[in-house]
Amino acid sequence: MNETQKERYEKIQRSLNPKTKVRNVYKIEEDGSKTKAKVLDTGDRAVFHCEEGPALINEEQRRKEYYLNGIEYDFDTWNEIMKGKEGLPWYKQAAAKGVTHRN
């Protein structure tokens, strides 16, 4: 997904719920390592959430945790949930090989 598609996606998400934002937050652990987390902020609550990969990453501790809507999953379960999505993403259109659609 390129930058313009990401911007469009974020605008669509904001129009559905203008208070909803995906934030990247960082924390320096006691051992000096840096933990990066993706948080879904809905205005009244914030939960770990990431559909593209682990929501919580600490490379030095080799720790990856997968969350969807604040619920922690192991990689296999998270992967099955992601595979279970139906249809094409909003930015893709069904077309035969070699055929392009123009807006």
PDB file of N, CA and C in Angstrom:
ATOM      1  N   MET A   1       0.855  -1.164   0.000  1.00  0.00           N
ATOM      2  CA  MET A   1       0.000   0.000   0.000  1.00  0.00           C
ATOM      3  C   MET A   1       0.908   1.236   0.000  1.00  0.00           C
ATOM      4  N   ASN A   2       0.721   2.133  -0.964  1.00  0.00           N
ATOM      5  CA  ASN A   2       1.559   3.327  -1.009  1.00  0.00           C
ATOM      6  C   ASN A   2       0.981   4.420  -0.114  1.00  0.00           C
ATOM      7  N   GLU A   3       1.682   5.544  -0.067  1.00  0.00           N
ATOM      8  CA  GLU A   3       1.312   6.606   0.877  1.00  0.00           C
ATOM      9  C   GLU A   3      -0.065   7.213   0.592  1.00  0.00           C
ATOM     10  N   THR A   4      -0.395   7.432  -0.688  1.00  0.00           N
ATOM     11  CA  THR A   4      -1.692   8.039  -0.986  1.00  0.00           C
ATOM     12  C   THR A   4      -2.829   7.105  -0.599  1.00  0.00           C
ATOM     13  N   GLN A   5      -2.638   5.801  -0.787  1.00  0.00           N
ATOM     14  CA  GLN A   5      -3.669   4.847  -0.391  1.00  0.00           C
ATOM     15  C   GLN A   5      -3.824   4.820   1.120  1.00  0.00           C
ATOM     16  N   LYS A   6      -2.712   4.909   1.840  1.00  0.00           N
ATOM     17  CA  LYS A   6      -2.777   4.942   3.298  1.00  0.00           C
ATOM     18  C   LYS A   6      -3.523   6.186   3.770  1.00  0.00           C
ATOM     19  N   GLU A   7      -3.241   7.321   3.137  1.00  0.00           N
ATOM     20  CA  GLU A   7      -3.929   8.557   3.514  1.00  0.00           C
ATOM     21  C   GLU A   7      -5.429   8.443   3.260  1.00  0.00           C
ATOM     22  N   ARG A   8      -5.806   7.894   2.120  1.00  0.00           N
ATOM     23  CA  ARG A   8      -7.226   7.702   1.810  1.00  0.00           C
ATOM     24  C   ARG A   8      -7.890   6.785   2.833  1.00  0.00           C
ATOM     25  N   TYR A   9      -7.191   5.694   3.162  1.00  0.00           N
ATOM     26  CA  TYR A   9      -7.723   4.744   4.132  1.00  0.00           C
ATOM     27  C   TYR A   9      -7.942   5.413   5.481  1.00  0.00           C
ATOM     28  N   GLU A  10      -6.974   6.216   5.919  1.00  0.00           N
ATOM     29  CA  GLU A  10      -7.115   6.898   7.204  1.00  0.00           C
ATOM     30  C   GLU A  10      -8.264   7.904   7.180  1.00  0.00           C
ATOM     31  N   LYS A  11      -8.446   8.604   6.056  1.00  0.00           N
ATOM     32  CA  LYS A  11      -9.557   9.549   5.941  1.00  0.00           C
ATOM     33  C   LYS A  11     -10.902   8.828   6.006  1.00  0.00           C
ATOM     34  N   ILE A  12     -10.981   7.675   5.365  1.00  0.00           N
ATOM     35  CA  ILE A  12     -12.217   6.894   5.412  1.00  0.00           C
ATOM     36  C   ILE A  12     -12.490   6.433   6.834  1.00  0.00           C
ATOM     37  N   GLN A  13     -11.448   5.947   7.517  1.00  0.00           N
ATOM     38  CA  GLN A  13     -11.613   5.501   8.898  1.00  0.00           C
ATOM     39  C   GLN A  13     -12.088   6.647   9.786  1.00  0.00           C
ATOM     40  N   ARG A  14     -11.516   7.840   9.596  1.00  0.00           N
ATOM     41  CA  ARG A  14     -11.908   8.989  10.411  1.00  0.00           C
ATOM     42  C   ARG A  14     -13.343   9.407  10.133  1.00  0.00           C
ATOM     43  N   SER A  15     -13.770   9.253   8.870  1.00  0.00           N
ATOM     44  CA  SER A  15     -15.139   9.642   8.554  1.00  0.00           C
ATOM     45  C   SER A  15     -16.145   8.688   9.179  1.00  0.00           C
ATOM     46  N   LEU A  16     -15.757   7.427   9.360  1.00  0.00           N
ATOM     47  CA  LEU A  16     -16.642   6.472  10.006  1.00  0.00           C
ATOM     48  C   LEU A  16     -16.778   6.776  11.487  1.00  0.00           C
ATOM     49  N   ASN A  17     -15.679   7.044  12.134  1.00  0.00           N
ATOM     50  CA  ASN A  17     -15.667   7.449  13.537  1.00  0.00           C
ATOM     51  C   ASN A  17     -14.555   8.481  13.682  1.00  0.00           C
ATOM     52  N   PRO A  18     -14.886   9.761  13.680  1.00  0.00           N
ATOM     53  CA  PRO A  18     -13.847  10.788  13.656  1.00  0.00           C
ATOM     54  C   PRO A  18     -12.913  10.766  14.857  1.00  0.00           C
ATOM     55  N   LYS A  19     -13.316  10.162  15.950  1.00  0.00           N
ATOM     56  CA  LYS A  19     -12.451  10.112  17.123  1.00  0.00           C
ATOM     57  C   LYS A  19     -11.435   8.975  17.044  1.00  0.00           C
ATOM     58  N   THR A  20     -11.643   8.011  16.157  1.00  0.00           N
ATOM     59  CA  THR A  20     -10.778   6.841  16.072  1.00  0.00           C
ATOM     60  C   THR A  20      -9.464   7.187  15.392  1.00  0.00           C
ATOM     61  N   LYS A  21      -8.359   6.828  16.046  1.00  0.00           N
ATOM     62  CA  LYS A  21      -7.030   7.049  15.483  1.00  0.00           C
ATOM     63  C   LYS A  21      -6.150   5.859  15.836  1.00  0.00           C
ATOM     64  N   VAL A  22      -5.260   5.521  14.931  1.00  0.00           N
ATOM     65  CA  VAL A  22      -4.260   4.496  15.214  1.00  0.00           C
ATOM     66  C   VAL A  22      -2.976   5.232  15.561  1.00  0.00           C
ATOM     67  N   ARG A  23      -2.456   4.949  16.717  1.00  0.00           N
ATOM     68  CA  ARG A  23      -1.254   5.651  17.194  1.00  0.00           C
ATOM     69  C   ARG A  23      -0.111   4.669  17.385  1.00  0.00           C
ATOM     70  N   ASN A  24       1.095   5.137  17.107  1.00  0.00           N
ATOM     71  CA  ASN A  24       2.300   4.389  17.432  1.00  0.00           C
ATOM     72  C   ASN A  24       2.846   4.968  18.723  1.00  0.00           C
ATOM     73  N   VAL A  25       2.980   4.143  19.739  1.00  0.00           N
ATOM     74  CA  VAL A  25       3.521   4.596  21.020  1.00  0.00           C
ATOM     75  C   VAL A  25       4.779   3.795  21.333  1.00  0.00           C
ATOM     76  N   TYR A  26       5.671   4.409  22.083  1.00  0.00           N
ATOM     77  CA  TYR A  26       6.947   3.792  22.405  1.00  0.00           C
ATOM     78  C   TYR A  26       7.184   3.860  23.904  1.00  0.00           C
ATOM     79  N   LYS A  27       7.879   2.846  24.414  1.00  0.00           N
ATOM     80  CA  LYS A  27       8.215   2.820  25.832  1.00  0.00           C
ATOM     81  C   LYS A  27       9.640   2.314  25.969  1.00  0.00           C
ATOM     82  N   ILE A  28      10.428   2.972  26.784  1.00  0.00           N
ATOM     83  CA  ILE A  28      11.779   2.515  27.084  1.00  0.00           C
ATOM     84  C   ILE A  28      11.680   1.610  28.311  1.00  0.00           C
ATOM     85  N   GLU A  29      12.076   0.350  28.144  1.00  0.00           N
ATOM     86  CA  GLU A  29      11.996  -0.634  29.229  1.00  0.00           C
ATOM     87  C   GLU A  29      13.133  -0.419  30.229  1.00  0.00           C
ATOM     88  N   GLU A  30      13.075  -1.114  31.354  1.00  0.00           N
ATOM     89  CA  GLU A  30      14.089  -0.984  32.398  1.00  0.00           C
ATOM     90  C   GLU A  30      15.467  -1.402  31.908  1.00  0.00           C
ATOM     91  N   ASP A  31      15.528  -2.380  30.979  1.00  0.00           N
ATOM     92  CA  ASP A  31      16.822  -2.841  30.475  1.00  0.00           C
ATOM     93  C   ASP A  31      17.365  -1.940  29.363  1.00  0.00           C
ATOM     94  N   GLY A  32      16.639  -0.867  29.029  1.00  0.00           N
ATOM     95  CA  GLY A  32      17.087   0.081  28.025  1.00  0.00           C
ATOM     96  C   GLY A  32      16.579  -0.214  26.623  1.00  0.00           C
ATOM     97  N   SER A  33      15.875  -1.305  26.454  1.00  0.00           N
ATOM     98  CA  SER A  33      15.337  -1.633  25.134  1.00  0.00           C
ATOM     99  C   SER A  33      14.077  -0.816  24.871  1.00  0.00           C
ATOM    100  N   LYS A  34      13.728  -0.681  23.596  1.00  0.00           N
ATOM    101  CA  LYS A  34      12.585   0.137  23.192  1.00  0.00           C
ATOM    102  C   LYS A  34      11.455  -0.763  22.713  1.00  0.00           C
ATOM    103  N   THR A  35      10.267  -0.580  23.263  1.00  0.00           N
ATOM    104  CA  THR A  35       9.090  -1.332  22.852  1.00  0.00           C
ATOM    105  C   THR A  35       8.186  -0.416  22.045  1.00  0.00           C
ATOM    106  N   LYS A  36       7.794  -0.880  20.845  1.00  0.00           N
ATOM    107  CA  LYS A  36       6.904  -0.131  19.968  1.00  0.00           C
ATOM    108  C   LYS A  36       5.549  -0.818  19.990  1.00  0.00           C
ATOM    109  N   ALA A  37       4.471  -0.034  20.133  1.00  0.00           N
ATOM    110  CA  ALA A  37       3.127  -0.591  20.163  1.00  0.00           C
ATOM    111  C   ALA A  37       2.210   0.206  19.256  1.00  0.00           C
ATOM    112  N   LYS A  38       1.270  -0.496  18.618  1.00  0.00           N
ATOM    113  CA  LYS A  38       0.224   0.155  17.825  1.00  0.00           C
ATOM    114  C   LYS A  38      -1.044   0.121  18.658  1.00  0.00           C
ATOM    115  N   VAL A  39      -1.626   1.287  18.868  1.00  0.00           N
ATOM    116  CA  VAL A  39      -2.781   1.424  19.737  1.00  0.00           C
ATOM    117  C   VAL A  39      -3.936   2.025  18.941  1.00  0.00           C
ATOM    118  N   LEU A  40      -5.107   1.429  19.069  1.00  0.00           N
ATOM    119  CA  LEU A  40      -6.326   1.956  18.467  1.00  0.00           C
ATOM    120  C   LEU A  40      -7.013   2.814  19.518  1.00  0.00           C
ATOM    121  N   ASP A  41      -7.038   4.123  19.276  1.00  0.00           N
ATOM    122  CA  ASP A  41      -7.620   5.075  20.214  1.00  0.00           C
ATOM    123  C   ASP A  41      -9.002   5.468  19.712  1.00  0.00           C
ATOM    124  N   THR A  42     -10.041   5.081  20.434  1.00  0.00           N
ATOM    125  CA  THR A  42     -11.420   5.357  20.008  1.00  0.00           C
ATOM    126  C   THR A  42     -12.024   6.562  20.724  1.00  0.00           C
ATOM    127  N   GLY A  43     -11.236   7.294  21.441  1.00  0.00           N
ATOM    128  CA  GLY A  43     -11.747   8.467  22.159  1.00  0.00           C
ATOM    129  C   GLY A  43     -12.029   8.168  23.606  1.00  0.00           C
ATOM    130  N   ASP A  44     -12.794   7.095  23.872  1.00  0.00           N
ATOM    131  CA  ASP A  44     -13.099   6.754  25.258  1.00  0.00           C
ATOM    132  C   ASP A  44     -12.215   5.636  25.796  1.00  0.00           C
ATOM    133  N   ARG A  45     -11.535   4.906  24.914  1.00  0.00           N
ATOM    134  CA  ARG A  45     -10.615   3.864  25.372  1.00  0.00           C
ATOM    135  C   ARG A  45      -9.543   3.637  24.313  1.00  0.00           C
ATOM    136  N   ALA A  46      -8.428   3.081  24.741  1.00  0.00           N
ATOM    137  CA  ALA A  46      -7.329   2.773  23.831  1.00  0.00           C
ATOM    138  C   ALA A  46      -6.938   1.311  24.040  1.00  0.00           C
ATOM    139  N   VAL A  47      -6.822   0.573  22.930  1.00  0.00           N
ATOM    140  CA  VAL A  47      -6.484  -0.848  23.007  1.00  0.00           C
ATOM    141  C   VAL A  47      -5.407  -1.168  21.982  1.00  0.00           C
ATOM    142  N   PHE A  48      -4.612  -2.214  22.266  1.00  0.00           N
ATOM    143  CA  PHE A  48      -3.635  -2.685  21.293  1.00  0.00           C
ATOM    144  C   PHE A  48      -4.379  -3.290  20.116  1.00  0.00           C
ATOM    145  N   HIS A  49      -3.962  -2.923  18.890  1.00  0.00           N
ATOM    146  CA  HIS A  49      -4.635  -3.446  17.707  1.00  0.00           C
ATOM    147  C   HIS A  49      -3.740  -3.242  16.492  1.00  0.00           C
ATOM    148  N   CYS A  50      -3.544  -4.307  15.708  1.00  0.00           N
ATOM    149  CA  CYS A  50      -2.819  -4.188  14.450  1.00  0.00           C
ATOM    150  C   CYS A  50      -3.210  -5.352  13.554  1.00  0.00           C
ATOM    151  N   GLU A  51      -3.645  -5.038  12.328  1.00  0.00           N
ATOM    152  CA  GLU A  51      -4.037  -6.069  11.378  1.00  0.00           C
ATOM    153  C   GLU A  51      -2.901  -6.454  10.437  1.00  0.00           C
ATOM    154  N   GLU A  52      -1.809  -5.694  10.431  1.00  0.00           N
ATOM    155  CA  GLU A  52      -0.717  -5.951   9.509  1.00  0.00           C
ATOM    156  C   GLU A  52       0.411  -6.784  10.112  1.00  0.00           C
ATOM    157  N   GLY A  53       0.453  -6.917  11.402  1.00  0.00           N
ATOM    158  CA  GLY A  53       1.526  -7.661  12.053  1.00  0.00           C
ATOM    159  C   GLY A  53       1.378  -7.556  13.560  1.00  0.00           C
ATOM    160  N   PRO A  54       2.463  -7.776  14.279  1.00  0.00           N
ATOM    161  CA  PRO A  54       2.375  -7.699  15.739  1.00  0.00           C
ATOM    162  C   PRO A  54       2.091  -6.271  16.203  1.00  0.00           C
ATOM    163  N   ALA A  55       1.265  -6.149  17.221  1.00  0.00           N
ATOM    164  CA  ALA A  55       0.922  -4.836  17.762  1.00  0.00           C
ATOM    165  C   ALA A  55       1.952  -4.373  18.780  1.00  0.00           C
ATOM    166  N   LEU A  56       2.693  -5.287  19.348  1.00  0.00           N
ATOM    167  CA  LEU A  56       3.688  -4.963  20.359  1.00  0.00           C
ATOM    168  C   LEU A  56       5.004  -5.604  19.928  1.00  0.00           C
ATOM    169  N   ILE A  57       6.053  -4.786  19.734  1.00  0.00           N
ATOM    170  CA  ILE A  57       7.334  -5.298  19.236  1.00  0.00           C
ATOM    171  C   ILE A  57       8.460  -4.763  20.098  1.00  0.00           C
ATOM    172  N   ASN A  58       9.315  -5.659  20.549  1.00  0.00           N
ATOM    173  CA  ASN A  58      10.569  -5.290  21.192  1.00  0.00           C
ATOM    174  C   ASN A  58      11.648  -6.141  20.542  1.00  0.00           C
ATOM    175  N   GLU A  59      12.431  -5.526  19.648  1.00  0.00           N
ATOM    176  CA  GLU A  59      13.415  -6.278  18.871  1.00  0.00           C
ATOM    177  C   GLU A  59      14.560  -6.805  19.726  1.00  0.00           C
ATOM    178  N   GLU A  60      14.994  -6.028  20.714  1.00  0.00           N
ATOM    179  CA  GLU A  60      16.120  -6.466  21.544  1.00  0.00           C
ATOM    180  C   GLU A  60      15.745  -7.662  22.417  1.00  0.00           C
ATOM    181  N   GLN A  61      14.523  -7.688  22.916  1.00  0.00           N
ATOM    182  CA  GLN A  61      14.059  -8.817  23.731  1.00  0.00           C
ATOM    183  C   GLN A  61      13.468  -9.921  22.863  1.00  0.00           C
ATOM    184  N   ARG A  62      13.405  -9.685  21.546  1.00  0.00           N
ATOM    185  CA  ARG A  62      12.825 -10.631  20.588  1.00  0.00           C
ATOM    186  C   ARG A  62      11.410 -11.023  21.010  1.00  0.00           C
ATOM    187  N   ARG A  63      10.623  -9.992  21.290  1.00  0.00           N
ATOM    188  CA  ARG A  63       9.254 -10.215  21.746  1.00  0.00           C
ATOM    189  C   ARG A  63       8.287  -9.596  20.747  1.00  0.00           C
ATOM    190  N   LYS A  64       7.308 -10.385  20.309  1.00  0.00           N
ATOM    191  CA  LYS A  64       6.250  -9.913  19.422  1.00  0.00           C
ATOM    192  C   LYS A  64       4.936 -10.429  19.974  1.00  0.00           C
ATOM    193  N   GLU A  65       3.982  -9.525  20.127  1.00  0.00           N
ATOM    194  CA  GLU A  65       2.670  -9.909  20.625  1.00  0.00           C
ATOM    195  C   GLU A  65       1.613  -9.421  19.640  1.00  0.00           C
ATOM    196  N   TYR A  66       0.653 -10.277  19.367  1.00  0.00           N
ATOM    197  CA  TYR A  66      -0.375  -9.997  18.375  1.00  0.00           C
ATOM    198  C   TYR A  66      -1.690  -9.694  19.077  1.00  0.00           C
ATOM    199  N   TYR A  67      -2.296  -8.553  18.729  1.00  0.00           N
ATOM    200  CA  TYR A  67      -3.548  -8.117  19.345  1.00  0.00           C
ATOM    201  C   TYR A  67      -4.540  -7.697  18.268  1.00  0.00           C
ATOM    202  N   LEU A  68      -5.810  -7.952  18.518  1.00  0.00           N
ATOM    203  CA  LEU A  68      -6.913  -7.421  17.724  1.00  0.00           C
ATOM    204  C   LEU A  68      -7.953  -6.910  18.703  1.00  0.00           C
ATOM    205  N   ASN A  69      -8.251  -5.638  18.630  1.00  0.00           N
ATOM    206  CA  ASN A  69      -9.226  -4.995  19.517  1.00  0.00           C
ATOM    207  C   ASN A  69      -8.945  -5.248  20.990  1.00  0.00           C
ATOM    208  N   GLY A  70      -7.682  -5.257  21.350  1.00  0.00           N
ATOM    209  CA  GLY A  70      -7.289  -5.409  22.742  1.00  0.00           C
ATOM    210  C   GLY A  70      -7.198  -6.834  23.241  1.00  0.00           C
ATOM    211  N   ILE A  71      -7.504  -7.812  22.387  1.00  0.00           N
ATOM    212  CA  ILE A  71      -7.438  -9.222  22.783  1.00  0.00           C
ATOM    213  C   ILE A  71      -6.151  -9.815  22.235  1.00  0.00           C
ATOM    214  N   GLU A  72      -5.369 -10.432  23.113  1.00  0.00           N
ATOM    215  CA  GLU A  72      -4.091 -11.006  22.696  1.00  0.00           C
ATOM    216  C   GLU A  72      -4.297 -12.387  22.081  1.00  0.00           C
ATOM    217  N   TYR A  73      -3.606 -12.631  20.961  1.00  0.00           N
ATOM    218  CA  TYR A  73      -3.647 -13.922  20.272  1.00  0.00           C
ATOM    219  C   TYR A  73      -2.231 -14.403  20.046  1.00  0.00           C
ATOM    220  N   ASP A  74      -2.067 -15.733  19.929  1.00  0.00           N
ATOM    221  CA  ASP A  74      -0.772 -16.234  19.486  1.00  0.00           C
ATOM    222  C   ASP A  74      -0.724 -16.071  17.963  1.00  0.00           C
ATOM    223  N   PHE A  75       0.454 -16.225  17.360  1.00  0.00           N
ATOM    224  CA  PHE A  75       0.616 -15.949  15.935  1.00  0.00           C
ATOM    225  C   PHE A  75      -0.297 -16.805  15.078  1.00  0.00           C
ATOM    226  N   ASP A  76      -0.402 -18.093  15.382  1.00  0.00           N
ATOM    227  CA  ASP A  76      -1.202 -18.997  14.551  1.00  0.00           C
ATOM    228  C   ASP A  76      -2.683 -18.597  14.541  1.00  0.00           C
ATOM    229  N   THR A  77      -3.238 -18.292  15.705  1.00  0.00           N
ATOM    230  CA  THR A  77      -4.641 -17.885  15.789  1.00  0.00           C
ATOM    231  C   THR A  77      -4.855 -16.556  15.087  1.00  0.00           C
ATOM    232  N   TRP A  78      -3.960 -15.592  15.321  1.00  0.00           N
ATOM    233  CA  TRP A  78      -4.051 -14.284  14.673  1.00  0.00           C
ATOM    234  C   TRP A  78      -3.996 -14.430  13.151  1.00  0.00           C
ATOM    235  N   ASN A  79      -3.095 -15.290  12.674  1.00  0.00           N
ATOM    236  CA  ASN A  79      -2.928 -15.515  11.238  1.00  0.00           C
ATOM    237  C   ASN A  79      -4.196 -16.124  10.633  1.00  0.00           C
ATOM    238  N   GLU A  80      -4.819 -17.060  11.327  1.00  0.00           N
ATOM    239  CA  GLU A  80      -6.062 -17.657  10.840  1.00  0.00           C
ATOM    240  C   GLU A  80      -7.184 -16.619  10.765  1.00  0.00           C
ATOM    241  N   ILE A  81      -7.258 -15.744  11.753  1.00  0.00           N
ATOM    242  CA  ILE A  81      -8.268 -14.686  11.735  1.00  0.00           C
ATOM    243  C   ILE A  81      -8.036 -13.768  10.539  1.00  0.00           C
ATOM    244  N   MET A  82      -6.796 -13.406  10.275  1.00  0.00           N
ATOM    245  CA  MET A  82      -6.487 -12.525   9.143  1.00  0.00           C
ATOM    246  C   MET A  82      -6.776 -13.209   7.812  1.00  0.00           C
ATOM    247  N   LYS A  83      -6.546 -14.514   7.726  1.00  0.00           N
ATOM    248  CA  LYS A  83      -6.847 -15.245   6.495  1.00  0.00           C
ATOM    249  C   LYS A  83      -8.343 -15.373   6.280  1.00  0.00           C
ATOM    250  N   GLY A  84      -9.114 -15.326   7.350  1.00  0.00           N
ATOM    251  CA  GLY A  84     -10.554 -15.508   7.283  1.00  0.00           C
ATOM    252  C   GLY A  84     -11.311 -14.301   6.753  1.00  0.00           C
ATOM    253  N   LYS A  85     -10.613 -13.202   6.502  1.00  0.00           N
ATOM    254  CA  LYS A  85     -11.288 -12.030   5.940  1.00  0.00           C
ATOM    255  C   LYS A  85     -11.788 -12.361   4.549  1.00  0.00           C
ATOM    256  N   GLU A  86     -12.946 -11.852   4.207  1.00  0.00           N
ATOM    257  CA  GLU A  86     -13.528 -12.136   2.902  1.00  0.00           C
ATOM    258  C   GLU A  86     -13.437 -10.928   1.990  1.00  0.00           C
ATOM    259  N   GLY A  87     -13.341 -11.204   0.702  1.00  0.00           N
ATOM    260  CA  GLY A  87     -13.370 -10.143  -0.295  1.00  0.00           C
ATOM    261  C   GLY A  87     -12.039  -9.447  -0.473  1.00  0.00           C
ATOM    262  N   LEU A  88     -12.045  -8.499  -1.373  1.00  0.00           N
ATOM    263  CA  LEU A  88     -10.854  -7.718  -1.666  1.00  0.00           C
ATOM    264  C   LEU A  88     -10.803  -6.487  -0.784  1.00  0.00           C
ATOM    265  N   PRO A  89      -9.603  -5.971  -0.518  1.00  0.00           N
ATOM    266  CA  PRO A  89      -9.507  -4.696   0.195  1.00  0.00           C
ATOM    267  C   PRO A  89     -10.163  -3.587  -0.623  1.00  0.00           C
ATOM    268  N   TRP A  90     -10.490  -2.502   0.026  1.00  0.00           N
ATOM    269  CA  TRP A  90     -11.206  -1.417  -0.631  1.00  0.00           C
ATOM    270  C   TRP A  90     -10.414  -0.826  -1.789  1.00  0.00           C
ATOM    271  N   TYR A  91      -9.076  -0.914  -1.759  1.00  0.00           N
ATOM    272  CA  TYR A  91      -8.265  -0.281  -2.789  1.00  0.00           C
ATOM    273  C   TYR A  91      -8.012  -1.193  -3.990  1.00  0.00           C
ATOM    274  N   LYS A  92      -8.523  -2.416  -3.986  1.00  0.00           N
ATOM    275  CA  LYS A  92      -8.349  -3.325  -5.110  1.00  0.00           C
ATOM    276  C   LYS A  92      -9.697  -3.579  -5.773  1.00  0.00           C
ATOM    277  N   GLN A  93      -9.641  -3.870  -7.070  1.00  0.00           N
ATOM    278  CA  GLN A  93     -10.855  -4.198  -7.799  1.00  0.00           C
ATOM    279  C   GLN A  93     -10.634  -5.525  -8.509  1.00  0.00           C
ATOM    280  N   ALA A  94     -11.665  -6.319  -8.622  1.00  0.00           N
ATOM    281  CA  ALA A  94     -11.557  -7.593  -9.311  1.00  0.00           C
ATOM    282  C   ALA A  94     -11.369  -7.335 -10.799  1.00  0.00           C
ATOM    283  N   ALA A  95     -10.367  -7.950 -11.394  1.00  0.00           N
ATOM    284  CA  ALA A  95     -10.114  -7.801 -12.827  1.00  0.00           C
ATOM    285  C   ALA A  95      -9.324  -9.015 -13.302  1.00  0.00           C
ATOM    286  N   ALA A  96      -9.502  -9.348 -14.567  1.00  0.00           N
ATOM    287  CA  ALA A  96      -8.734 -10.434 -15.159  1.00  0.00           C
ATOM    288  C   ALA A  96      -7.275 -10.002 -15.277  1.00  0.00           C
ATOM    289  N   LYS A  97      -6.381 -10.951 -15.413  1.00  0.00           N
ATOM    290  CA  LYS A  97      -4.960 -10.661 -15.500  1.00  0.00           C
ATOM    291  C   LYS A  97      -4.681  -9.784 -16.723  1.00  0.00           C
ATOM    292  N   GLY A  98      -3.969  -8.706 -16.523  1.00  0.00           N
ATOM    293  CA  GLY A  98      -3.615  -7.805 -17.609  1.00  0.00           C
ATOM    294  C   GLY A  98      -4.617  -6.694 -17.861  1.00  0.00           C
ATOM    295  N   VAL A  99      -5.767  -6.742 -17.200  1.00  0.00           N
ATOM    296  CA  VAL A  99      -6.794  -5.707 -17.393  1.00  0.00           C
ATOM    297  C   VAL A  99      -6.679  -4.720 -16.243  1.00  0.00           C
ATOM    298  N   THR A 100      -6.729  -3.432 -16.567  1.00  0.00           N
ATOM    299  CA  THR A 100      -6.678  -2.424 -15.519  1.00  0.00           C
ATOM    300  C   THR A 100      -7.944  -1.608 -15.515  1.00  0.00           C
ATOM    301  N   HIS A 101      -8.307  -1.122 -14.321  1.00  0.00           N
ATOM    302  CA  HIS A 101      -9.474  -0.256 -14.165  1.00  0.00           C
ATOM    303  C   HIS A 101      -8.977   1.159 -13.950  1.00  0.00           C
ATOM    304  N   ARG A 102      -9.633   2.097 -14.522  1.00  0.00           N
ATOM    305  CA  ARG A 102      -9.270   3.500 -14.303  1.00  0.00           C
ATOM    306  C   ARG A 102     -10.465   4.228 -13.712  1.00  0.00           C
ATOM    307  N   ASN A 103     -10.158   5.069 -12.755  1.00  0.00           N
ATOM    308  CA  ASN A 103     -11.227   5.844 -12.102  1.00  0.00           C
ATOM    309  C   ASN A 103     -11.489   7.123 -12.836  1.00  0.00           C
TER     310      ASN A 103
END
